[in-house]
Amino acid sequence: MQQQVLIIGTVWVEPNSSAAGSRMLQLIKLFLKQDFKVTFASSAQKNDKAIDLSFIGVEEVFIELNSSSFDVFVKKINPTIVVFDRFMMEEQYGWRVAENCPNALRILDTEDLHFLRKVRHQQLKNEEDFTINALLNSMDAKREIAAILRCDLSLIISTYEMDLLKSVFKIDEKILYYLPFLLDNIDENQIQNWKSFEEREHFVFIGNFFHKPNVDAVLTLKENVWNEIREYLPKAEIHIYGAYANQQINQLHNKNEGFIIKGFAENAQEVVRNARVLLAPLRFGAGIKGKLTEAMICGTPSVTTSIGAEGMCDRFPWPGFIEDNFSDFALVSSELYRNKTMWKSSQETGVDIINYIYDKEKLGVPFVNKIKEIQEKLEEHRTQNFLGNLLQHQTLQATKYMSKWIESKNELL
């Protein structure tokens, strides 16, 4: 029997706008390669940056929030697999899937651990050091961990987050699955076609500005890094790209200082491929940073922070530098920009990271096998997940009854 996959998206798929959009498209293509039938559903507004998934054979469906119309819809398509795009979608629709399609395998694609990013952001604003206790006391952590427990399998994108869930939150490894970005290998032909050190110019930053770590990173570049880089390299320019730039970002544009706000990039790889060095001074965040894998794919060395590189390179050295002190960040960025030998060595390291850690051919087959393995013993798998069963119990389903209350209220209006 052909597998029917329903993906419930927080937003429509925008691979050119964000790493999350690229990640979702990677998952969709993996399912299609297995000859799975895929339906993508979302309650979000669709804009012109979203791609038309019908061109790759995926049905797109608009669904409503807090409406029993979803129950009719999900019964009709009767999926064998349901993927929730981030924990908020599991909260909203998970109980409806469980009630109407109890035999469907429920998978949570976390994208990254939202509570980790939010706690880091709050502690940064409070000028506090990051602590595990803050995570344990986070309401967002309780919500996201509950969603992980309720699902049959949760996809975790970085090794750091896998370790955190197992060691701090004591989550059973049987319901977690490490699945980073699914990328093509970099072959010799691609390497030969990369622009040379001499053919490249400028620093670059790229990122979706709906994402708060990116806004903070650009402000950090402007306030703490760029002036020092210009002291080392008086004619240097940094080009800032990204979707949804707000006034706070746009007003940083200063041609005389070489700080250029360029806006949305139609082709992110083209932008990164032409730059000599990518800068990403991320002070908070979580998961895998798409801008940094993009840089490796394009043969562009990068300078980032320990938060930026977290869980991304395993045993390999970073293809550039990891630096949390911003004076040192400016110094090594400048040196990487002008030192061809150092630059070439960093470029080669990026190839190793992509080919050994993010190889989609090596990652895809074990993941599909894991899905089939759980499906064959789904009842046993769920029985062993006692906490998940507990949280599915009707007396604890606050999100269910809140949704029903909103639905009833809407019917009266």
Protein backbone atom coordinates (compact mmCIF):
# COMPACT_ATOMS: atom_id res chain seq x y z
CA MET A 1 0.00 0.00 0.00
CA GLN A 2 1.29 3.45 -0.93
CA GLN A 3 2.16 5.64 2.03
CA GLN A 4 0.04 8.80 2.29
CA VAL A 5 1.92 11.64 4.03
CA LEU A 6 0.12 14.68 5.39
CA ILE A 7 2.40 17.58 6.36
CA ILE A 8 0.79 20.30 8.47
CA GLY A 9 2.83 23.43 7.93
CA THR A 10 3.18 26.44 10.19
CA VAL A 11 3.75 28.45 7.00
CA TRP A 12 3.85 27.64 3.29
CA VAL A 13 7.19 26.45 1.96
CA GLU A 14 9.65 29.30 1.21
CA PRO A 15 13.06 27.67 0.52
CA ASN A 16 14.55 30.94 -0.72
CA SER A 17 13.54 32.82 2.43
CA SER A 18 14.65 30.60 5.31
CA ALA A 19 16.55 27.49 6.36
CA ALA A 20 13.26 26.13 7.72
CA GLY A 21 11.75 26.39 4.25
CA SER A 22 14.73 24.59 2.72
CA ARG A 23 14.52 21.89 5.37
CA MET A 24 10.83 21.28 4.67
CA LEU A 25 11.45 20.99 0.95
CA GLN A 26 14.24 18.47 1.65
CA LEU A 27 11.80 16.31 3.65
CA ILE A 28 9.12 16.54 0.97
CA LYS A 29 11.57 15.46 -1.73
CA LEU A 30 12.75 12.54 0.43
CA PHE A 31 9.16 11.31 0.79
CA LEU A 32 8.49 11.73 -2.94
CA LYS A 33 11.63 9.77 -3.78
CA GLN A 34 10.15 6.85 -1.84
CA ASP A 35 6.99 7.12 -4.00
CA PHE A 36 4.98 8.40 -1.02
CA LYS A 37 1.93 10.53 -1.84
CA VAL A 38 2.36 13.91 -0.14
CA THR A 39 -0.24 16.51 0.85
CA PHE A 40 0.88 19.81 2.36
CA ALA A 41 -1.71 21.69 4.42
CA SER A 42 -1.49 25.02 6.23
CA SER A 43 -3.79 27.64 7.73
CA ALA A 44 -1.28 30.43 7.00
CA GLN A 45 -1.66 33.13 4.38
CA LYS A 46 0.32 32.31 1.24
CA ASN A 47 2.55 35.01 -0.26
CA ASP A 48 4.59 35.35 -3.44
CA LYS A 49 7.76 33.94 -1.83
CA ALA A 50 6.13 30.53 -1.31
CA ILE A 51 6.78 27.96 -4.01
CA ASP A 52 4.01 26.05 -5.78
CA LEU A 53 4.43 22.48 -4.55
CA SER A 54 2.04 21.15 -7.17
CA PHE A 55 4.90 21.42 -9.69
CA ILE A 56 6.65 18.55 -7.89
CA GLY A 57 3.49 16.48 -7.41
CA VAL A 58 2.40 17.65 -3.95
CA GLU A 59 -1.22 18.58 -3.27
CA GLU A 60 -1.64 21.85 -1.36
CA VAL A 61 -4.67 22.34 0.90
CA PHE A 62 -5.75 25.30 3.01
CA ILE A 63 -7.05 24.26 6.44
CA GLU A 64 -8.74 26.19 9.23
CA LEU A 65 -7.68 26.68 12.82
CA ASN A 66 -10.04 25.55 15.58
CA SER A 67 -12.50 23.98 13.16
CA SER A 68 -14.01 20.51 12.87
CA SER A 69 -13.66 20.90 9.09
CA PHE A 70 -10.14 19.56 9.63
CA ASP A 71 -11.62 16.35 11.07
CA VAL A 72 -13.58 15.79 7.85
CA PHE A 73 -10.51 16.59 5.75
CA VAL A 74 -8.09 14.30 7.58
CA LYS A 75 -10.55 11.38 7.63
CA LYS A 76 -11.01 11.74 3.88
CA ILE A 77 -7.33 11.54 2.96
CA ASN A 78 -6.65 8.98 5.75
CA PRO A 79 -2.87 9.51 6.00
CA THR A 80 -0.50 6.77 7.13
CA ILE A 81 2.02 9.43 8.26
CA VAL A 82 1.34 12.92 9.63
CA VAL A 83 4.23 15.38 9.98
CA PHE A 84 3.73 18.41 12.22
CA ASP A 85 5.91 21.36 11.19
CA ARG A 86 7.00 22.62 14.64
CA PHE A 87 5.37 21.92 17.97
CA MET A 88 2.66 24.58 17.62
CA MET A 89 1.08 22.55 14.82
CA GLU A 90 1.09 19.44 17.00
CA GLU A 91 -0.66 21.39 19.76
CA GLN A 92 -3.30 22.66 17.34
CA TYR A 93 -3.95 19.55 15.27
CA GLY A 94 -2.32 16.61 17.06
CA TRP A 95 -5.36 15.62 19.10
CA ARG A 96 -7.57 15.80 16.00
CA VAL A 97 -5.20 13.48 14.13
CA ALA A 98 -5.09 11.08 17.09
CA GLU A 99 -8.89 10.93 17.27
CA ASN A 100 -9.65 10.69 13.56
CA CYS A 101 -6.66 8.71 12.27
CA PRO A 102 -5.38 6.77 15.30
CA ASN A 103 -3.20 4.46 13.19
CA ALA A 104 -1.31 7.27 11.47
CA LEU A 105 2.33 7.61 12.51
CA ARG A 106 2.71 11.05 14.10
CA ILE A 107 6.06 12.76 13.44
CA LEU A 108 7.15 16.12 14.85
CA ASP A 109 9.71 18.03 12.79
CA THR A 110 11.08 20.39 15.43
CA GLU A 111 13.13 22.47 12.90
CA ASP A 112 15.06 23.55 15.97
CA LEU A 113 14.22 23.57 19.67
CA HIS A 114 12.21 26.78 19.96
CA PHE A 115 12.41 26.88 23.74
CA LEU A 116 16.20 26.75 23.60
CA ARG A 117 16.32 29.76 21.28
CA LYS A 118 13.75 31.70 23.34
CA VAL A 119 15.44 31.08 26.69
CA ARG A 120 18.81 32.11 25.28
CA HIS A 121 17.24 35.28 23.89
CA GLN A 122 15.61 36.16 27.20
CA GLN A 123 18.79 35.56 29.18
CA LEU A 124 20.76 37.67 26.71
CA LYS A 125 18.27 40.54 27.13
CA ASN A 126 18.55 40.17 30.91
CA GLU A 127 22.36 40.12 30.62
CA GLU A 128 22.42 36.70 32.30
CA ASP A 129 24.56 33.67 31.55
CA PHE A 130 22.78 30.76 29.91
CA THR A 131 21.68 28.15 32.46
CA ILE A 132 20.03 24.73 32.34
CA ASN A 133 17.74 25.80 35.19
CA ALA A 134 16.27 28.50 32.98
CA LEU A 135 15.44 25.81 30.40
CA LEU A 136 13.83 23.60 33.02
CA ASN A 137 11.66 26.48 34.24
CA SER A 138 10.62 27.60 30.76
CA MET A 139 6.91 27.34 29.90
CA ASP A 140 7.90 27.04 26.23
CA ALA A 141 10.08 24.06 27.13
CA LYS A 142 7.16 22.37 28.87
CA ARG A 143 4.96 22.88 25.80
CA GLU A 144 7.56 21.69 23.29
CA ILE A 145 8.67 18.69 25.36
CA ALA A 146 5.00 17.70 25.79
CA ALA A 147 4.57 17.77 22.00
CA ILE A 148 7.69 15.61 21.57
CA LEU A 149 6.33 13.10 24.07
CA ARG A 150 2.91 12.93 22.40
CA CYS A 151 4.41 12.10 18.99
CA ASP A 152 5.65 8.72 17.84
CA LEU A 153 8.89 10.22 16.56
CA SER A 154 10.50 13.67 16.69
CA LEU A 155 13.12 14.83 14.21
CA ILE A 156 16.01 16.63 15.90
CA ILE A 157 18.26 18.65 13.67
CA SER A 158 21.51 19.01 15.64
CA THR A 159 23.68 16.76 17.78
CA TYR A 160 23.68 19.36 20.55
CA GLU A 161 19.89 19.28 20.76
CA MET A 162 19.84 15.47 20.75
CA ASP A 163 22.24 15.43 23.70
CA LEU A 164 20.22 18.11 25.51
CA LEU A 165 16.93 16.21 25.19
CA LYS A 166 18.47 12.94 26.35
CA SER A 167 20.70 14.21 29.17
CA VAL A 168 18.70 17.14 30.61
CA PHE A 169 15.10 16.23 29.81
CA LYS A 170 15.58 12.44 29.95
CA ILE A 171 13.65 11.83 26.74
CA ASP A 172 13.69 8.19 25.59
CA GLU A 173 15.91 7.90 22.53
CA LYS A 174 13.30 5.62 20.91
CA ILE A 175 11.08 8.62 20.15
CA LEU A 176 13.93 10.87 18.94
CA TYR A 177 15.65 10.77 15.58
CA TYR A 178 18.67 12.83 14.56
CA LEU A 179 18.05 14.13 11.05
CA PRO A 180 20.09 17.17 9.99
CA PHE A 181 19.81 18.95 6.64
CA LEU A 182 19.65 16.55 3.68
CA LEU A 183 22.15 17.95 1.19
CA ASP A 184 23.83 16.91 -2.05
CA ASN A 185 27.49 15.98 -1.89
CA ILE A 186 29.98 18.54 -3.16
CA ASP A 187 31.82 16.90 -6.06
CA GLU A 188 35.02 17.85 -7.88
CA ASN A 189 33.09 19.43 -10.73
CA GLN A 190 31.41 21.87 -8.34
CA ILE A 191 34.72 22.69 -6.70
CA GLN A 192 36.30 23.42 -10.07
CA ASN A 193 33.45 25.82 -10.87
CA TRP A 194 33.78 27.83 -7.65
CA LYS A 195 35.03 31.35 -8.11
CA SER A 196 38.63 31.82 -7.02
CA PHE A 197 39.85 33.90 -4.10
CA GLU A 198 40.74 36.73 -6.49
CA GLU A 199 37.38 36.65 -8.27
CA ARG A 200 35.41 37.12 -5.05
CA GLU A 201 34.79 40.31 -3.13
CA HIS A 202 32.98 41.65 -0.08
CA PHE A 203 31.72 40.13 3.13
CA VAL A 204 28.14 38.86 3.19
CA PHE A 205 25.38 38.14 5.68
CA ILE A 206 22.10 36.46 4.69
CA GLY A 207 19.05 35.53 6.75
CA ASN A 208 15.28 35.81 7.16
CA PHE A 209 14.49 38.87 9.32
CA PHE A 210 11.33 37.37 10.76
CA HIS A 211 13.91 35.33 12.70
CA LYS A 212 15.05 37.36 15.72
CA PRO A 213 18.60 35.92 15.91
CA ASN A 214 19.25 37.32 12.42
CA VAL A 215 18.06 40.80 13.36
CA ASP A 216 20.31 40.73 16.43
CA ALA A 217 23.26 39.43 14.39
CA VAL A 218 23.05 42.32 11.90
CA LEU A 219 22.78 44.86 14.72
CA THR A 220 25.80 43.22 16.34
CA LEU A 221 27.73 43.45 13.07
CA LYS A 222 26.94 47.14 12.81
CA GLU A 223 27.57 48.07 16.44
CA ASN A 224 30.36 45.74 17.56
CA VAL A 225 32.23 44.37 14.55
CA TRP A 226 32.10 46.40 11.37
CA ASN A 227 34.01 49.52 12.47
CA GLU A 228 36.96 47.39 13.54
CA ILE A 229 36.94 45.44 10.27
CA ARG A 230 37.03 48.76 8.40
CA GLU A 231 40.08 49.78 10.41
CA TYR A 232 41.87 46.67 9.10
CA LEU A 233 40.28 46.86 5.62
CA PRO A 234 39.27 50.48 4.90
CA LYS A 235 37.63 49.69 1.55
CA ALA A 236 35.74 46.58 2.68
CA GLU A 237 32.00 46.21 2.16
CA ILE A 238 29.47 43.91 3.75
CA HIS A 239 26.30 43.13 1.84
CA ILE A 240 23.27 42.25 3.97
CA TYR A 241 20.64 40.06 2.30
CA GLY A 242 17.42 38.59 3.61
CA ALA A 243 13.66 38.35 3.29
CA TYR A 244 11.34 40.55 5.35
CA ALA A 245 13.85 43.23 6.35
CA ASN A 246 12.15 45.78 8.63
CA GLN A 247 12.84 49.48 9.17
CA GLN A 248 15.30 48.70 11.96
CA ILE A 249 17.45 46.80 9.44
CA ASN A 250 16.93 49.08 6.44
CA GLN A 251 18.00 52.17 8.33
CA LEU A 252 21.44 50.62 8.94
CA HIS A 253 22.29 51.08 5.26
CA ASN A 254 25.35 53.33 4.93
CA LYS A 255 27.22 53.29 1.65
CA ASN A 256 30.05 55.48 2.97
CA GLU A 257 30.74 52.92 5.70
CA GLY A 258 30.45 49.98 3.29
CA PHE A 259 27.43 48.61 5.19
CA ILE A 260 24.99 47.83 2.37
CA ILE A 261 21.44 46.53 2.92
CA LYS A 262 20.52 44.62 -0.24
CA GLY A 263 17.16 43.02 0.71
CA PHE A 264 15.68 39.75 -0.51
CA ALA A 265 17.97 37.52 -2.62
CA GLU A 266 16.21 35.70 -5.43
CA ASN A 267 19.15 33.27 -5.56
CA ALA A 268 20.84 32.90 -2.16
CA GLN A 269 23.56 30.59 -3.45
CA GLU A 270 24.54 33.05 -6.16
CA VAL A 271 24.95 35.78 -3.55
CA VAL A 272 27.05 33.63 -1.22
CA ARG A 273 29.09 32.17 -4.10
CA ASN A 274 30.30 35.63 -5.12
CA ALA A 275 31.33 36.70 -1.61
CA ARG A 276 34.74 36.07 -0.13
CA VAL A 277 33.70 35.58 3.53
CA LEU A 278 30.34 35.12 5.25
CA LEU A 279 29.91 36.68 8.71
CA ALA A 280 27.36 35.41 11.24
CA PRO A 281 27.88 36.82 14.77
CA LEU A 282 24.88 35.01 16.25
CA ARG A 283 24.41 35.68 19.97
CA PHE A 284 21.44 33.34 20.47
CA GLY A 285 19.59 30.70 18.50
CA ALA A 286 19.27 26.94 18.08
CA GLY A 287 19.45 24.22 15.47
CA ILE A 288 21.50 24.23 12.27
CA LYS A 289 22.14 27.55 10.57
CA GLY A 290 21.26 27.41 6.89
CA LYS A 291 23.45 30.38 6.03
CA LEU A 292 26.49 28.46 7.28
CA THR A 293 25.79 25.24 5.35
CA GLU A 294 25.03 27.46 2.34
CA ALA A 295 28.48 29.01 2.71
CA MET A 296 30.13 25.58 2.77
CA ILE A 297 28.20 24.49 -0.34
CA CYS A 298 29.37 27.64 -2.13
CA GLY A 299 33.01 27.32 -1.05
CA THR A 300 32.75 30.47 1.06
CA PRO A 301 34.61 30.43 4.40
CA SER A 302 32.73 31.87 7.37
CA VAL A 303 33.25 33.43 10.76
CA THR A 304 30.63 32.75 13.40
CA THR A 305 30.13 32.27 17.14
CA SER A 306 29.94 29.13 19.26
CA ILE A 307 26.13 29.45 19.09
CA GLY A 308 26.32 29.69 15.30
CA ALA A 309 28.49 26.60 14.90
CA GLU A 310 26.77 24.57 17.63
CA GLY A 311 26.04 20.96 16.67
CA MET A 312 27.08 21.52 13.06
CA CYS A 313 30.57 20.19 12.40
CA ASP A 314 31.10 17.11 14.61
CA ARG A 315 34.84 16.30 14.73
CA PHE A 316 35.82 18.58 11.84
CA PRO A 317 37.48 21.97 12.27
CA TRP A 318 35.30 24.95 11.34
CA PRO A 319 35.70 26.25 7.74
CA GLY A 320 36.86 29.64 8.95
CA PHE A 321 36.71 30.75 12.59
CA ILE A 322 34.50 30.44 15.67
CA GLU A 323 34.91 33.52 17.86
CA ASP A 324 32.71 34.96 20.63
CA ASN A 325 34.81 38.02 21.46
CA PHE A 326 33.81 40.62 18.87
CA SER A 327 37.16 42.42 18.70
CA ASP A 328 38.77 39.07 17.93
CA PHE A 329 35.88 38.31 15.57
CA ALA A 330 36.75 41.44 13.56
CA LEU A 331 40.46 40.57 13.57
CA VAL A 332 40.10 36.98 12.31
CA SER A 333 37.45 38.03 9.76
CA SER A 334 39.87 40.54 8.30
CA GLU A 335 42.73 38.05 8.26
CA LEU A 336 40.58 35.38 6.58
CA TYR A 337 39.50 37.94 3.98
CA ARG A 338 43.05 38.83 2.92
CA ASN A 339 45.02 35.61 3.56
CA LYS A 340 44.61 33.36 0.53
CA THR A 341 46.31 30.32 2.08
CA MET A 342 44.12 30.45 5.17
CA TRP A 343 41.05 31.05 2.98
CA LYS A 344 41.74 28.02 0.75
CA SER A 345 42.31 25.74 3.73
CA SER A 346 38.98 26.84 5.28
CA GLN A 347 37.18 26.25 2.00
CA GLU A 348 38.38 22.64 1.85
CA THR A 349 37.17 21.92 5.40
CA GLY A 350 33.65 22.95 4.42
CA VAL A 351 33.59 20.26 1.73
CA ASP A 352 34.40 17.57 4.30
CA ILE A 353 31.62 18.73 6.65
CA ILE A 354 28.92 18.72 3.95
CA ASN A 355 29.97 15.37 2.49
CA TYR A 356 30.33 13.50 5.77
CA ILE A 357 27.57 14.98 7.94
CA TYR A 358 24.81 16.15 5.57
CA ASP A 359 24.87 13.57 2.76
CA LYS A 360 21.20 13.09 1.86
CA GLU A 361 21.79 9.67 0.30
CA LYS A 362 23.43 8.38 3.47
CA LEU A 363 20.79 9.93 5.76
CA GLY A 364 17.59 9.28 3.83
CA VAL A 365 17.45 5.47 3.71
CA PRO A 366 17.93 4.85 7.47
CA PHE A 367 15.23 7.44 8.23
CA VAL A 368 12.70 5.76 5.92
CA ASN A 369 13.61 2.38 7.44
CA LYS A 370 13.01 3.83 10.91
CA ILE A 371 9.52 4.97 9.87
CA LYS A 372 8.66 1.49 8.56
CA GLU A 373 10.10 -0.18 11.65
CA ILE A 374 7.89 1.87 13.98
CA GLN A 375 4.82 1.39 11.77
CA GLU A 376 5.21 -2.38 11.95
CA LYS A 377 5.09 -2.28 15.77
CA LEU A 378 3.18 0.96 16.34
CA GLU A 379 1.01 -0.26 19.22
CA GLU A 380 4.03 -1.65 21.09
CA HIS A 381 6.00 1.54 20.38
CA ARG A 382 3.22 3.66 21.88
CA THR A 383 2.75 1.39 24.87
CA GLN A 384 6.41 1.81 25.78
CA ASN A 385 6.03 5.61 25.58
CA PHE A 386 4.07 5.86 28.84
CA LEU A 387 4.49 9.62 29.29
CA GLY A 388 3.24 10.17 25.76
CA ASN A 389 0.18 8.06 26.48
CA LEU A 390 -0.40 10.00 29.67
CA LEU A 391 -0.29 13.34 27.85
CA GLN A 392 -2.73 12.04 25.22
CA HIS A 393 -5.26 11.25 27.95
CA GLN A 394 -8.35 13.40 27.58
CA THR A 395 -8.17 14.87 31.08
CA LEU A 396 -4.83 16.50 30.24
CA GLN A 397 -5.67 17.81 26.76
CA ALA A 398 -6.02 21.51 27.52
CA THR A 399 -5.27 22.43 23.91
CA LYS A 400 -8.14 20.23 22.71
CA TYR A 401 -10.74 21.85 24.91
CA MET A 402 -9.44 25.34 24.25
CA SER A 403 -9.78 24.65 20.51
CA LYS A 404 -13.32 23.32 20.97
CA TRP A 405 -14.26 26.38 23.02
CA ILE A 406 -12.92 28.73 20.31
CA GLU A 407 -14.76 26.77 17.63
CA SER A 408 -18.05 27.01 19.56
CA LYS A 409 -17.49 30.74 20.16
CA ASN A 410 -16.83 31.32 16.45
CA GLU A 411 -20.07 29.55 15.52
CA LEU A 412 -22.02 32.02 17.67
CA LEU A 413 -20.52 35.08 15.98
